[in-house]
N, C-alpha and C. Protein backbone atom coordinates (compact mmCIF):
# COMPACT_ATOMS: atom_id res chain seq x y z
N MET A 1 0.78 -1.22 0.07
CA MET A 1 -0.06 -0.06 0.08
C MET A 1 0.83 1.14 0.11
N GLU A 2 0.54 2.22 -0.83
CA GLU A 2 1.38 3.36 -0.92
C GLU A 2 0.95 4.48 0.22
N PRO A 3 1.92 5.06 0.69
CA PRO A 3 1.38 6.22 1.69
C PRO A 3 0.63 7.11 0.92
N ARG A 4 -0.25 7.61 1.81
CA ARG A 4 -1.22 8.73 1.27
C ARG A 4 -0.48 10.03 1.53
N VAL A 5 -0.57 10.74 0.53
CA VAL A 5 0.03 12.13 0.32
C VAL A 5 -1.21 13.16 0.50
N THR A 6 -1.21 13.97 1.69
CA THR A 6 -2.35 14.99 1.70
C THR A 6 -1.78 16.35 1.28
N SER A 7 -2.85 17.06 0.78
CA SER A 7 -2.57 18.45 0.32
C SER A 7 -2.68 19.31 1.52
N THR A 8 -2.14 20.42 1.21
CA THR A 8 -2.13 21.45 2.42
C THR A 8 -3.46 21.87 2.65
N THR A 9 -4.25 21.98 1.64
CA THR A 9 -5.56 22.47 1.91
C THR A 9 -6.42 21.34 2.85
N GLU A 10 -6.11 20.01 2.42
CA GLU A 10 -6.88 18.83 3.12
C GLU A 10 -6.37 18.99 4.51
N SER A 11 -5.02 19.12 4.76
CA SER A 11 -4.41 19.24 6.20
C SER A 11 -5.10 20.44 6.95
N LEU A 12 -5.37 21.55 6.29
CA LEU A 12 -5.99 22.73 6.93
C LEU A 12 -7.40 22.29 7.34
N GLU A 13 -7.95 21.74 6.35
CA GLU A 13 -9.47 21.49 6.66
C GLU A 13 -9.50 20.45 7.88
N VAL A 14 -8.62 19.46 7.96
CA VAL A 14 -8.54 18.65 9.19
C VAL A 14 -8.36 19.34 10.41
N MET A 15 -7.37 20.21 10.27
CA MET A 15 -6.97 21.24 11.63
C MET A 15 -8.20 21.93 12.11
N THR A 16 -8.96 22.51 11.05
CA THR A 16 -9.94 23.49 11.41
C THR A 16 -11.04 22.52 11.94
N MET A 17 -11.36 21.34 11.44
CA MET A 17 -12.46 20.54 12.03
C MET A 17 -12.09 20.00 13.37
N GLU A 18 -10.76 19.77 13.69
CA GLU A 18 -10.32 19.27 15.00
C GLU A 18 -10.41 20.49 16.14
N SER A 19 -10.28 21.56 15.48
CA SER A 19 -10.34 22.90 16.38
C SER A 19 -11.71 23.08 16.86
N ALA A 20 -12.72 22.97 15.84
CA ALA A 20 -14.06 23.21 16.12
C ALA A 20 -14.66 22.05 17.01
N ILE A 21 -14.07 20.90 16.94
CA ILE A 21 -14.57 19.84 17.89
C ILE A 21 -14.18 20.11 19.21
N ARG A 22 -12.77 20.63 19.18
CA ARG A 22 -12.31 20.86 20.61
C ARG A 22 -12.76 21.96 21.18
N ARG A 23 -13.18 23.04 20.47
CA ARG A 23 -13.93 24.24 21.05
C ARG A 23 -15.23 23.91 21.57
N ALA A 24 -16.10 23.01 20.81
CA ALA A 24 -17.46 22.66 21.21
C ALA A 24 -17.35 21.84 22.37
N HIS A 25 -16.22 20.92 22.50
CA HIS A 25 -16.02 20.07 23.76
C HIS A 25 -15.77 21.01 24.96
N LEU A 26 -14.95 21.84 24.77
CA LEU A 26 -14.55 22.76 25.93
C LEU A 26 -15.67 23.69 26.30
N THR A 27 -16.42 24.20 25.33
CA THR A 27 -17.65 25.01 25.64
C THR A 27 -18.79 24.28 26.41
N GLY A 28 -18.90 23.06 26.04
CA GLY A 28 -19.70 22.07 26.75
C GLY A 28 -19.35 21.84 28.24
N ARG A 29 -18.04 21.67 28.45
CA ARG A 29 -17.56 21.17 29.65
C ARG A 29 -17.57 22.63 30.46
N GLY A 30 -17.51 23.82 29.83
CA GLY A 30 -17.58 25.14 30.57
C GLY A 30 -19.13 25.37 31.03
N ALA A 31 -19.93 25.06 30.10
CA ALA A 31 -21.53 24.98 30.51
C ALA A 31 -21.83 24.14 31.81
N TRP A 32 -21.12 22.96 31.72
CA TRP A 32 -21.47 22.13 32.78
C TRP A 32 -20.96 22.69 34.15
N VAL A 33 -19.63 23.16 34.01
CA VAL A 33 -19.18 23.94 35.30
C VAL A 33 -20.08 25.08 35.69
N GLU A 34 -20.48 25.84 34.77
CA GLU A 34 -21.42 26.85 34.97
C GLU A 34 -22.69 26.36 35.53
N SER A 35 -23.24 25.33 35.30
CA SER A 35 -24.41 24.96 36.02
C SER A 35 -24.21 24.57 37.50
N LEU A 36 -22.95 24.03 37.65
CA LEU A 36 -22.58 23.74 39.14
C LEU A 36 -22.27 24.97 39.96
N ASP A 37 -21.42 25.87 39.35
CA ASP A 37 -20.91 27.07 39.96
C ASP A 37 -20.89 28.19 38.97
N PRO A 38 -21.80 29.11 38.91
CA PRO A 38 -22.05 30.22 37.94
C PRO A 38 -20.73 31.04 37.96
N ARG A 39 -20.11 31.27 39.10
CA ARG A 39 -19.06 32.22 39.15
C ARG A 39 -17.73 31.64 38.42
N ARG A 40 -17.54 30.25 38.76
CA ARG A 40 -16.46 29.57 38.11
C ARG A 40 -16.58 29.47 36.62
N GLY A 41 -17.89 28.97 36.28
CA GLY A 41 -18.18 28.79 34.87
C GLY A 41 -18.00 30.09 33.89
N GLY A 42 -18.44 31.18 34.70
CA GLY A 42 -18.33 32.57 33.94
C GLY A 42 -16.76 32.87 33.66
N LEU A 43 -16.03 32.48 34.66
CA LEU A 43 -14.55 32.74 34.61
C LEU A 43 -13.88 31.83 33.40
N LEU A 44 -14.41 30.57 33.35
CA LEU A 44 -13.86 29.70 32.25
C LEU A 44 -14.46 30.18 31.09
N ARG A 45 -15.69 30.56 30.76
CA ARG A 45 -16.19 31.06 29.63
C ARG A 45 -15.52 32.35 29.24
N ALA A 46 -15.12 33.19 30.04
CA ALA A 46 -14.32 34.31 29.63
C ALA A 46 -12.89 33.88 29.16
N ALA A 47 -12.34 32.96 29.76
CA ALA A 47 -10.87 32.43 29.46
C ALA A 47 -11.12 31.83 28.00
N LEU A 48 -12.14 31.08 27.70
CA LEU A 48 -12.43 30.37 26.50
C LEU A 48 -12.83 31.48 25.36
N ASP A 49 -13.24 32.67 25.78
CA ASP A 49 -13.51 33.71 24.75
C ASP A 49 -12.31 34.46 24.51
N ARG A 50 -11.27 34.36 25.12
CA ARG A 50 -10.07 35.08 24.82
C ARG A 50 -9.18 34.25 23.96
N ILE A 51 -9.45 33.00 23.85
CA ILE A 51 -8.55 32.11 22.73
C ILE A 51 -9.01 32.41 21.36
N GLU A 52 -7.87 32.63 20.53
CA GLU A 52 -8.10 32.98 19.21
C GLU A 52 -8.17 31.70 18.24
N TRP A 53 -9.32 31.12 18.00
CA TRP A 53 -9.51 29.94 17.47
C TRP A 53 -9.39 30.13 16.04
N PRO A 54 -8.82 29.00 15.33
CA PRO A 54 -8.72 29.19 13.73
C PRO A 54 -9.92 29.10 13.03
């Protein structure tokens, strides 16, 4: 089997998708924390908002 060569565009698409999945996961975890402790959840949400996502 020959190794698969990926294009730069395909690599960027995969990285963007992984970033979106990671962001959704962390946002969900933050919402869970906020449901238990609104102050801590708000701090976490603020920290996530400062991240420059691709």
